[in-house]
């Protein structure tokens, strides 16, 4: 997947679907760490807390942060960390 994304300038969307429920073995590492410029890591706490909490996150390549925040419609509010 990473090679495909690099060769085509594409993105891999990584959903950490069951990352919060791994108690019987070591967690699997995130693909996003292999190439942070071509992978968007998405997760939430909806299964471990409650869907009503509505807490989720995206780990984005820096070049997409402003566009995602603009689409969200809240400017820069909600942005916890910056790599710049």
Protein backbone atom coordinates (compact mmCIF):
# COMPACT_ATOMS: atom_id res chain seq x y z
CA UNK A 1 0.00 0.00 0.00
CA UNK A 2 2.74 2.41 0.94
CA UNK A 3 4.63 1.75 -2.29
CA UNK A 4 1.43 2.32 -4.29
CA UNK A 5 0.74 5.62 -2.49
CA UNK A 6 4.30 6.84 -3.01
CA UNK A 7 4.37 5.91 -6.70
CA UNK A 8 1.05 7.60 -7.46
CA UNK A 9 1.05 10.46 -4.99
CA UNK A 10 -1.92 8.81 -3.32
CA UNK A 11 -3.10 8.39 0.24
CA UNK A 12 -3.83 5.41 2.45
CA UNK A 13 -6.67 5.87 4.95
CA UNK A 14 -5.95 3.84 8.05
CA UNK A 15 -8.88 3.18 10.38
CA UNK A 16 -7.74 2.02 13.82
CA UNK A 17 -11.02 0.12 14.20
CA UNK A 18 -10.21 -2.22 17.08
CA UNK A 19 -7.03 -0.67 18.48
CA UNK A 20 -8.68 0.06 21.82
CA UNK A 21 -9.62 -3.60 22.40
CA UNK A 22 -6.26 -5.38 22.25
CA UNK A 23 -5.72 -6.79 25.72
CA UNK A 24 -4.53 -10.32 24.93
CA UNK A 25 -1.54 -9.37 22.74
CA UNK A 26 0.68 -6.48 21.80
CA UNK A 27 -1.03 -3.86 19.64
CA UNK A 28 -0.25 -3.80 15.94
CA UNK A 29 1.78 -0.77 14.96
CA UNK A 30 0.15 1.92 12.88
CA UNK A 31 0.90 2.00 9.16
CA UNK A 32 0.96 5.80 9.44
CA UNK A 33 4.36 5.60 11.14
CA UNK A 34 5.86 4.01 8.02
CA UNK A 35 5.09 7.03 5.82
CA UNK A 36 3.41 9.99 7.54
CA UNK A 37 3.20 11.88 4.22
CA UNK A 38 1.03 9.24 2.53
CA UNK A 39 -1.12 7.82 5.35
CA UNK A 40 -4.03 9.38 7.22
CA UNK A 41 -4.68 7.62 10.53
CA UNK A 42 -8.26 7.87 11.81
CA UNK A 43 -9.60 6.73 15.19
CA UNK A 44 -12.19 7.33 17.87
CA UNK A 45 -13.22 6.25 21.37
CA UNK A 46 -16.81 5.45 20.38
CA UNK A 47 -16.51 1.76 21.29
CA UNK A 48 -14.63 2.12 24.57
CA UNK A 49 -16.53 5.13 25.96
CA UNK A 50 -19.70 5.91 24.05
CA UNK A 51 -20.66 7.09 20.58
CA UNK A 52 -22.38 10.03 22.30
CA UNK A 53 -18.98 11.39 23.38
CA UNK A 54 -18.20 12.07 19.70
CA UNK A 55 -14.45 12.10 20.24
CA UNK A 56 -12.31 11.19 17.28
CA UNK A 57 -9.05 12.16 15.62
CA UNK A 58 -7.14 12.20 12.39
CA UNK A 59 -3.36 12.18 12.03
CA UNK A 60 -2.82 14.04 8.78
CA UNK A 61 0.10 14.90 6.57
CA UNK A 62 0.76 18.60 7.26
CA UNK A 63 -0.20 19.61 3.72
CA UNK A 64 -3.83 18.54 4.35
CA UNK A 65 -4.39 20.13 7.77
CA UNK A 66 -5.68 23.51 6.57
CA UNK A 67 -8.00 21.98 3.96
CA UNK A 68 -9.49 19.56 6.49
CA UNK A 69 -9.99 22.31 9.06
CA UNK A 70 -11.64 24.51 6.44
CA UNK A 71 -13.98 21.66 5.46
CA UNK A 72 -14.75 21.15 9.13
CA UNK A 73 -15.88 24.74 9.22
CA UNK A 74 -14.30 25.77 12.52
CA UNK A 75 -11.10 27.41 11.32
CA UNK A 76 -8.26 26.25 13.54
CA UNK A 77 -10.38 25.46 16.59
CA UNK A 78 -9.92 21.89 17.79
CA UNK A 79 -6.37 21.53 16.52
CA UNK A 80 -4.45 20.15 19.47
CA UNK A 81 -0.95 19.79 18.05
CA UNK A 82 1.07 21.17 15.19
CA UNK A 83 4.22 19.84 13.60
CA UNK A 84 5.23 23.26 12.29
